[in-house]
Amino acid sequence: MNIIFLCLGIGFVAGLRSMLAPAVVSWAAYLGWLHLGDSGLRFMASPISVAAFSLLALGELIADKLPFIPKRTEPGPLVVRLVSGGLSGACLGWSANQSWTSGAAAGAIGAIIGAFAGYHLRRRLTLGAGLKDFCVALPEDLLAIALACYLVSR
């Protein structure tokens, strides 16, 4: 599979759940699935990064179900998704001996696509189809987790 598509995909995951993509990438680097070597990205393989991103991702999975959380398409949350998608894409690109900058760009683009696609689909399913938000959010969580694990295992 083309590495740019993998970077775009991990960015898409960041668009759905901003901290999930770097958490899964950090775990993959820690477990040796991704090889970041002596790059500036090697911090992602540290136990501190694994713990921090895992806690942030868990917190986000819980907080996402709360009614007062801002929309993922608002400027603040969107910037976080761009950064986390770019970071995650850069790690995948570097690990594949490709350009980390191309990986970061693809990850950031994927984050924008994921944020807007996820927002509009969730809105359509809750408002248009009348489903409860939790009943849409939970499968979205599972999809994001499964997709992230699949992408880093390639």
N, C-alpha and C. Protein backbone atom coordinates (compact mmCIF):
# COMPACT_ATOMS: atom_id res chain seq x y z
N MET A 1 0.85 -1.17 0.00
CA MET A 1 0.00 0.00 0.00
C MET A 1 0.90 1.24 0.00
N ASN A 2 0.55 2.23 -0.75
CA ASN A 2 1.30 3.47 -0.86
C ASN A 2 1.34 4.18 0.49
N ILE A 3 2.52 4.61 0.91
CA ILE A 3 2.69 5.23 2.22
C ILE A 3 1.89 6.52 2.35
N ILE A 4 1.71 7.25 1.27
CA ILE A 4 0.93 8.49 1.34
C ILE A 4 -0.52 8.18 1.71
N PHE A 5 -1.06 7.08 1.21
CA PHE A 5 -2.42 6.70 1.58
C PHE A 5 -2.50 6.31 3.05
N LEU A 6 -1.45 5.65 3.55
CA LEU A 6 -1.42 5.30 4.98
C LEU A 6 -1.36 6.57 5.83
N CYS A 7 -0.56 7.54 5.41
CA CYS A 7 -0.46 8.81 6.14
C CYS A 7 -1.78 9.58 6.07
N LEU A 8 -2.40 9.58 4.92
CA LEU A 8 -3.71 10.21 4.77
C LEU A 8 -4.72 9.53 5.70
N GLY A 9 -4.65 8.20 5.76
CA GLY A 9 -5.56 7.43 6.62
C GLY A 9 -5.37 7.71 8.09
N ILE A 10 -4.11 7.78 8.55
CA ILE A 10 -3.88 8.04 9.98
C ILE A 10 -4.30 9.47 10.30
N GLY A 11 -4.18 10.37 9.33
CA GLY A 11 -4.70 11.72 9.50
C GLY A 11 -6.22 11.71 9.61
N PHE A 12 -6.87 10.89 8.81
CA PHE A 12 -8.33 10.75 8.88
C PHE A 12 -8.74 10.32 10.28
N VAL A 13 -7.99 9.38 10.85
CA VAL A 13 -8.26 8.94 12.22
C VAL A 13 -8.14 10.13 13.18
N ALA A 14 -7.11 10.94 13.00
CA ALA A 14 -6.93 12.13 13.85
C ALA A 14 -8.10 13.10 13.69
N GLY A 15 -8.68 13.15 12.50
CA GLY A 15 -9.85 13.99 12.29
C GLY A 15 -11.06 13.49 13.06
N LEU A 16 -11.15 12.17 13.22
CA LEU A 16 -12.25 11.60 13.98
C LEU A 16 -12.01 11.73 15.48
N ARG A 17 -10.81 11.36 15.92
CA ARG A 17 -10.43 11.41 17.34
C ARG A 17 -9.00 11.91 17.41
N SER A 18 -8.83 13.14 17.79
CA SER A 18 -7.54 13.83 17.65
C SER A 18 -6.38 13.16 18.38
N MET A 19 -6.60 12.58 19.52
CA MET A 19 -5.48 11.99 20.27
C MET A 19 -5.30 10.50 20.01
N LEU A 20 -6.25 9.89 19.34
CA LEU A 20 -6.17 8.45 19.07
C LEU A 20 -5.04 8.14 18.09
N ALA A 21 -4.92 8.94 17.04
CA ALA A 21 -3.88 8.68 16.03
C ALA A 21 -2.48 8.72 16.65
N PRO A 22 -2.10 9.79 17.38
CA PRO A 22 -0.77 9.77 17.97
C PRO A 22 -0.60 8.70 19.05
N ALA A 23 -1.67 8.34 19.74
CA ALA A 23 -1.57 7.27 20.74
C ALA A 23 -1.23 5.94 20.08
N VAL A 24 -1.93 5.60 19.01
CA VAL A 24 -1.68 4.33 18.33
C VAL A 24 -0.30 4.35 17.65
N VAL A 25 0.07 5.49 17.06
CA VAL A 25 1.39 5.61 16.45
C VAL A 25 2.48 5.46 17.52
N SER A 26 2.27 6.08 18.67
CA SER A 26 3.24 5.98 19.75
C SER A 26 3.38 4.54 20.23
N TRP A 27 2.27 3.85 20.39
CA TRP A 27 2.32 2.43 20.78
C TRP A 27 3.06 1.61 19.73
N ALA A 28 2.77 1.87 18.45
CA ALA A 28 3.43 1.12 17.38
C ALA A 28 4.94 1.37 17.38
N ALA A 29 5.34 2.60 17.64
CA ALA A 29 6.78 2.90 17.70
C ALA A 29 7.40 2.24 18.93
N TYR A 30 6.72 2.29 20.05
CA TYR A 30 7.21 1.67 21.28
C TYR A 30 7.39 0.15 21.11
N LEU A 31 6.44 -0.48 20.41
CA LEU A 31 6.48 -1.93 20.19
C LEU A 31 7.42 -2.33 19.05
N GLY A 32 7.99 -1.35 18.36
CA GLY A 32 8.93 -1.65 17.28
C GLY A 32 8.29 -1.89 15.93
N TRP A 33 7.00 -1.61 15.80
CA TRP A 33 6.33 -1.76 14.51
C TRP A 33 6.74 -0.62 13.58
N LEU A 34 6.96 0.56 14.14
CA LEU A 34 7.43 1.71 13.39
C LEU A 34 8.85 2.00 13.84
N HIS A 35 9.70 2.28 12.90
CA HIS A 35 11.11 2.52 13.21
C HIS A 35 11.43 3.99 12.98
N LEU A 36 11.54 4.72 14.09
CA LEU A 36 11.80 6.15 14.01
C LEU A 36 13.27 6.47 14.20
N GLY A 37 14.08 5.45 14.51
CA GLY A 37 15.53 5.58 14.59
C GLY A 37 15.99 6.74 15.43
N ASP A 38 16.92 7.49 14.89
CA ASP A 38 17.46 8.63 15.62
C ASP A 38 16.88 9.95 15.10
N SER A 39 15.70 9.87 14.55
CA SER A 39 15.05 11.08 14.04
C SER A 39 14.53 11.92 15.20
N GLY A 40 14.11 13.11 14.89
CA GLY A 40 13.48 13.96 15.88
C GLY A 40 12.14 13.44 16.36
N LEU A 41 11.64 12.42 15.67
CA LEU A 41 10.35 11.82 16.02
C LEU A 41 10.50 10.65 17.00
N ARG A 42 11.72 10.32 17.37
CA ARG A 42 11.95 9.14 18.22
C ARG A 42 11.29 9.26 19.59
N PHE A 43 10.97 10.50 20.00
CA PHE A 43 10.27 10.67 21.28
C PHE A 43 8.93 9.94 21.32
N MET A 44 8.36 9.69 20.14
CA MET A 44 7.07 9.00 20.07
C MET A 44 7.16 7.57 20.59
N ALA A 45 8.35 6.98 20.59
CA ALA A 45 8.52 5.60 21.05
C ALA A 45 8.80 5.51 22.55
N SER A 46 8.87 6.63 23.23
CA SER A 46 9.21 6.60 24.65
C SER A 46 8.00 6.20 25.50
N PRO A 47 8.24 5.55 26.62
CA PRO A 47 7.13 5.19 27.52
C PRO A 47 6.34 6.41 27.99
N ILE A 48 6.99 7.55 28.13
CA ILE A 48 6.29 8.77 28.54
C ILE A 48 5.29 9.19 27.47
N SER A 49 5.71 9.15 26.20
CA SER A 49 4.79 9.51 25.10
C SER A 49 3.64 8.52 25.01
N VAL A 50 3.95 7.23 25.16
CA VAL A 50 2.90 6.21 25.12
C VAL A 50 1.87 6.49 26.21
N ALA A 51 2.34 6.74 27.42
CA ALA A 51 1.43 6.98 28.54
C ALA A 51 0.63 8.27 28.34
N ALA A 52 1.31 9.34 27.95
CA ALA A 52 0.64 10.63 27.79
C ALA A 52 -0.42 10.57 26.69
N PHE A 53 -0.04 10.08 25.51
CA PHE A 53 -1.01 10.02 24.41
C PHE A 53 -2.14 9.04 24.71
N SER A 54 -1.84 7.95 25.38
CA SER A 54 -2.88 6.98 25.73
C SER A 54 -3.90 7.60 26.69
N LEU A 55 -3.42 8.33 27.69
CA LEU A 55 -4.32 9.00 28.63
C LEU A 55 -5.14 10.08 27.93
N LEU A 56 -4.50 10.84 27.07
CA LEU A 56 -5.23 11.86 26.31
C LEU A 56 -6.29 11.23 25.41
N ALA A 57 -5.95 10.13 24.76
CA ALA A 57 -6.91 9.46 23.88
C ALA A 57 -8.08 8.89 24.68
N LEU A 58 -7.79 8.28 25.81
CA LEU A 58 -8.86 7.74 26.66
C LEU A 58 -9.77 8.87 27.14
N GLY A 59 -9.16 9.96 27.58
CA GLY A 59 -9.95 11.11 28.01
C GLY A 59 -10.83 11.65 26.89
N GLU A 60 -10.28 11.68 25.69
CA GLU A 60 -11.06 12.18 24.55
C GLU A 60 -12.21 11.24 24.22
N LEU A 61 -11.97 9.95 24.28
CA LEU A 61 -13.04 8.99 24.00
C LEU A 61 -14.20 9.17 24.97
N ILE A 62 -13.90 9.51 26.21
CA ILE A 62 -14.95 9.75 27.20
C ILE A 62 -15.59 11.13 26.98
N ALA A 63 -14.75 12.16 26.86
CA ALA A 63 -15.25 13.53 26.74
C ALA A 63 -16.08 13.75 25.47
N ASP A 64 -15.78 13.01 24.42
CA ASP A 64 -16.48 13.18 23.15
C ASP A 64 -17.99 12.97 23.29
N LYS A 65 -18.41 12.23 24.29
CA LYS A 65 -19.83 11.94 24.47
C LYS A 65 -20.56 13.03 25.23
N LEU A 66 -19.83 14.02 25.76
CA LEU A 66 -20.43 15.07 26.58
C LEU A 66 -21.00 16.18 25.69
N PRO A 67 -22.15 16.73 26.07
CA PRO A 67 -22.82 17.71 25.21
C PRO A 67 -22.12 19.06 25.10
N PHE A 68 -21.26 19.43 26.03
CA PHE A 68 -20.65 20.76 26.01
C PHE A 68 -19.31 20.80 25.28
N ILE A 69 -18.86 19.68 24.75
CA ILE A 69 -17.59 19.64 24.02
C ILE A 69 -17.77 20.38 22.69
N PRO A 70 -16.82 21.25 22.32
CA PRO A 70 -16.97 22.00 21.05
C PRO A 70 -16.90 21.08 19.83
N LYS A 71 -17.47 21.57 18.74
CA LYS A 71 -17.44 20.82 17.48
C LYS A 71 -16.00 20.64 17.01
N ARG A 72 -15.72 19.50 16.43
CA ARG A 72 -14.37 19.21 15.94
C ARG A 72 -13.97 20.10 14.78
N THR A 73 -14.94 20.77 14.18
CA THR A 73 -14.65 21.65 13.04
C THR A 73 -14.43 23.10 13.46
N GLU A 74 -14.54 23.40 14.75
CA GLU A 74 -14.23 24.75 15.23
C GLU A 74 -12.72 24.94 15.17
N PRO A 75 -12.25 26.19 15.10
CA PRO A 75 -10.81 26.43 14.90
C PRO A 75 -9.88 25.71 15.88
N GLY A 76 -10.12 25.81 17.17
CA GLY A 76 -9.24 25.19 18.16
C GLY A 76 -9.11 23.68 17.98
N PRO A 77 -10.24 22.96 18.04
CA PRO A 77 -10.18 21.51 17.85
C PRO A 77 -9.64 21.10 16.48
N LEU A 78 -9.92 21.90 15.46
CA LEU A 78 -9.43 21.56 14.12
C LEU A 78 -7.91 21.69 14.04
N VAL A 79 -7.35 22.70 14.67
CA VAL A 79 -5.89 22.87 14.69
C VAL A 79 -5.23 21.70 15.41
N VAL A 80 -5.82 21.26 16.52
CA VAL A 80 -5.27 20.10 17.25
C VAL A 80 -5.28 18.88 16.34
N ARG A 81 -6.35 18.69 15.58
CA ARG A 81 -6.44 17.55 14.66
C ARG A 81 -5.39 17.66 13.54
N LEU A 82 -5.19 18.86 13.03
CA LEU A 82 -4.16 19.07 12.00
C LEU A 82 -2.78 18.70 12.54
N VAL A 83 -2.47 19.15 13.74
CA VAL A 83 -1.16 18.87 14.33
C VAL A 83 -0.99 17.38 14.61
N SER A 84 -2.00 16.77 15.21
CA SER A 84 -1.87 15.34 15.54
C SER A 84 -1.86 14.48 14.28
N GLY A 85 -2.64 14.85 13.28
CA GLY A 85 -2.60 14.12 12.01
C GLY A 85 -1.27 14.29 11.31
N GLY A 86 -0.73 15.52 11.34
CA GLY A 86 0.58 15.78 10.74
C GLY A 86 1.69 15.02 11.45
N LEU A 87 1.68 15.04 12.77
CA LEU A 87 2.68 14.30 13.55
C LEU A 87 2.60 12.80 13.27
N SER A 88 1.41 12.27 13.27
CA SER A 88 1.23 10.84 13.03
C SER A 88 1.64 10.46 11.62
N GLY A 89 1.26 11.28 10.64
CA GLY A 89 1.66 11.03 9.26
C GLY A 89 3.17 11.12 9.07
N ALA A 90 3.80 12.07 9.75
CA ALA A 90 5.26 12.20 9.68
C ALA A 90 5.94 10.94 10.20
N CYS A 91 5.42 10.40 11.28
CA CYS A 91 6.00 9.16 11.84
C CYS A 91 5.87 7.99 10.87
N LEU A 92 4.71 7.86 10.24
CA LEU A 92 4.54 6.77 9.27
C LEU A 92 5.47 6.97 8.07
N GLY A 93 5.56 8.20 7.60
CA GLY A 93 6.43 8.49 6.46
C GLY A 93 7.89 8.17 6.78
N TRP A 94 8.37 8.64 7.93
CA TRP A 94 9.76 8.39 8.32
C TRP A 94 10.02 6.90 8.46
N SER A 95 9.09 6.20 9.10
CA SER A 95 9.27 4.76 9.34
C SER A 95 9.37 3.97 8.04
N ALA A 96 8.74 4.48 6.99
CA ALA A 96 8.76 3.81 5.68
C ALA A 96 9.91 4.31 4.81
N ASN A 97 10.85 5.04 5.41
CA ASN A 97 11.98 5.60 4.67
C ASN A 97 11.54 6.52 3.54
N GLN A 98 10.47 7.23 3.78
CA GLN A 98 9.96 8.21 2.83
C GLN A 98 10.08 9.59 3.47
N SER A 99 9.68 10.58 2.76
CA SER A 99 9.73 11.95 3.26
C SER A 99 8.77 12.14 4.43
N TRP A 100 9.32 12.58 5.56
CA TRP A 100 8.44 12.84 6.70
C TRP A 100 7.57 14.06 6.44
N THR A 101 8.04 14.99 5.61
CA THR A 101 7.24 16.18 5.31
C THR A 101 6.03 15.83 4.46
N SER A 102 6.21 14.92 3.51
CA SER A 102 5.06 14.46 2.71
C SER A 102 4.08 13.71 3.59
N GLY A 103 4.62 12.90 4.51
CA GLY A 103 3.77 12.18 5.45
C GLY A 103 2.99 13.13 6.33
N ALA A 104 3.66 14.18 6.80
CA ALA A 104 2.99 15.17 7.66
C ALA A 104 1.90 15.90 6.89
N ALA A 105 2.19 16.28 5.65
CA ALA A 105 1.20 16.98 4.83
C ALA A 105 -0.01 16.09 4.57
N ALA A 106 0.24 14.83 4.22
CA ALA A 106 -0.86 13.91 3.97
C ALA A 106 -1.67 13.68 5.25
N GLY A 107 -0.98 13.56 6.38
CA GLY A 107 -1.67 13.39 7.66
C GLY A 107 -2.55 14.58 8.00
N ALA A 108 -2.05 15.79 7.74
CA ALA A 108 -2.83 17.00 8.02
C ALA A 108 -4.05 17.09 7.10
N ILE A 109 -3.86 16.75 5.84
CA ILE A 109 -4.99 16.75 4.89
C ILE A 109 -6.02 15.70 5.31
N GLY A 110 -5.55 14.52 5.68
CA GLY A 110 -6.46 13.48 6.15
C GLY A 110 -7.23 13.91 7.38
N ALA A 111 -6.59 14.69 8.27
CA ALA A 111 -7.26 15.18 9.47
C ALA A 111 -8.41 16.12 9.13
N ILE A 112 -8.18 16.98 8.16
CA ILE A 112 -9.26 17.88 7.74
C ILE A 112 -10.43 17.08 7.16
N ILE A 113 -10.10 16.12 6.30
CA ILE A 113 -11.15 15.29 5.69
C ILE A 113 -11.90 14.53 6.78
N GLY A 114 -11.17 13.90 7.70
CA GLY A 114 -11.79 13.13 8.76
C GLY A 114 -12.66 13.97 9.69
N ALA A 115 -12.18 15.17 10.01
CA ALA A 115 -12.94 16.04 10.91
C ALA A 115 -14.28 16.43 10.29
N PHE A 116 -14.25 16.88 9.04
CA PHE A 116 -15.49 17.33 8.41
C PHE A 116 -16.40 16.16 8.03
N ALA A 117 -15.82 15.08 7.54
CA ALA A 117 -16.64 13.90 7.20
C ALA A 117 -17.29 13.33 8.45
N GLY A 118 -16.51 13.18 9.52
CA GLY A 118 -17.06 12.65 10.76
C GLY A 118 -18.12 13.54 11.36
N TYR A 119 -17.88 14.84 11.33
CA TYR A 119 -18.86 15.79 11.87
C TYR A 119 -20.18 15.71 11.11
N HIS A 120 -20.09 15.78 9.78
CA HIS A 120 -21.33 15.81 8.99
C HIS A 120 -22.06 14.47 9.02
N LEU A 121 -21.34 13.37 9.04
CA LEU A 121 -22.01 12.07 9.14
C LEU A 121 -22.69 11.92 10.50
N ARG A 122 -21.99 12.29 11.55
CA ARG A 122 -22.58 12.18 12.88
C ARG A 122 -23.80 13.08 13.01
N ARG A 123 -23.70 14.28 12.48
CA ARG A 123 -24.83 15.22 12.53
C ARG A 123 -26.03 14.67 11.74
N ARG A 124 -25.73 14.11 10.57
CA ARG A 124 -26.81 13.56 9.74
C ARG A 124 -27.50 12.39 10.43
N LEU A 125 -26.71 11.54 11.08
CA LEU A 125 -27.28 10.37 11.75
C LEU A 125 -28.04 10.73 13.02
N THR A 126 -27.59 11.78 13.71
CA THR A 126 -28.30 12.15 14.94
C THR A 126 -29.51 13.04 14.66
N LEU A 127 -29.33 14.04 13.84
CA LEU A 127 -30.45 14.96 13.56
C LEU A 127 -31.37 14.42 12.47
N GLY A 128 -30.79 13.92 11.40
CA GLY A 128 -31.60 13.45 10.27
C GLY A 128 -32.27 12.11 10.51
N ALA A 129 -31.51 11.16 11.04
CA ALA A 129 -32.06 9.81 11.25
C ALA A 129 -32.62 9.63 12.65
N GLY A 130 -32.38 10.60 13.52
CA GLY A 130 -32.95 10.54 14.86
C GLY A 130 -32.25 9.60 15.83
N LEU A 131 -31.03 9.20 15.51
CA LEU A 131 -30.30 8.32 16.42
C LEU A 131 -29.73 9.12 17.58
N LYS A 132 -29.57 8.47 18.72
CA LYS A 132 -28.95 9.12 19.87
C LYS A 132 -27.46 9.30 19.58
N ASP A 133 -26.91 10.41 20.06
CA ASP A 133 -25.52 10.73 19.79
C ASP A 133 -24.59 9.62 20.25
N PHE A 134 -24.84 9.07 21.42
CA PHE A 134 -23.98 8.01 21.95
C PHE A 134 -23.97 6.79 21.02
N CYS A 135 -25.12 6.51 20.41
CA CYS A 135 -25.24 5.35 19.51
C CYS A 135 -24.48 5.56 18.20
N VAL A 136 -24.15 6.79 17.89
CA VAL A 136 -23.34 7.10 16.71
C VAL A 136 -21.87 7.23 17.11
N ALA A 137 -21.63 7.84 18.25
CA ALA A 137 -20.25 8.11 18.69
C ALA A 137 -19.49 6.82 19.00
N LEU A 138 -20.13 5.86 19.62
CA LEU A 138 -19.44 4.63 19.99
C LEU A 138 -18.96 3.84 18.77
N PRO A 139 -19.78 3.62 17.76
CA PRO A 139 -19.25 2.95 16.55
C PRO A 139 -18.16 3.78 15.85
N GLU A 140 -18.27 5.11 15.94
CA GLU A 140 -17.22 5.96 15.36
C GLU A 140 -15.90 5.73 16.10
N ASP A 141 -15.97 5.60 17.43
CA ASP A 141 -14.77 5.28 18.22
C ASP A 141 -14.16 3.96 17.76
N LEU A 142 -14.99 2.95 17.64
CA LEU A 142 -14.51 1.62 17.26
C LEU A 142 -13.91 1.62 15.86
N LEU A 143 -14.53 2.34 14.96
CA LEU A 143 -14.01 2.46 13.59
C LEU A 143 -12.64 3.14 13.61
N ALA A 144 -12.52 4.23 14.36
CA ALA A 144 -11.26 4.95 14.43
C ALA A 144 -10.15 4.08 15.03
N ILE A 145 -10.46 3.34 16.07
CA ILE A 145 -9.48 2.45 16.70
C ILE A 145 -9.04 1.37 15.73
N ALA A 146 -10.00 0.72 15.10
CA ALA A 146 -9.68 -0.35 14.16
C ALA A 146 -8.87 0.16 12.98
N LEU A 147 -9.26 1.30 12.43
CA LEU A 147 -8.55 1.86 11.28
C LEU A 147 -7.11 2.24 11.67
N ALA A 148 -6.95 2.87 12.83
CA ALA A 148 -5.60 3.25 13.27
C ALA A 148 -4.71 2.04 13.45
N CYS A 149 -5.23 1.00 14.08
CA CYS A 149 -4.44 -0.22 14.29
C CYS A 149 -4.08 -0.88 12.96
N TYR A 150 -5.02 -0.90 12.05
CA TYR A 150 -4.75 -1.46 10.72
C TYR A 150 -3.64 -0.68 10.01
N LEU A 151 -3.73 0.64 10.05
CA LEU A 151 -2.77 1.47 9.32
C LEU A 151 -1.36 1.34 9.86
N VAL A 152 -1.19 1.32 11.17
CA VAL A 152 0.18 1.22 11.71
C VAL A 152 0.76 -0.18 11.57
N SER A 153 -0.09 -1.16 11.33
CA SER A 153 0.41 -2.53 11.17
C SER A 153 0.86 -2.81 9.73
N ARG A 154 0.64 -1.87 8.83
CA ARG A 154 1.02 -2.06 7.43
C ARG A 154 2.48 -1.75 7.28
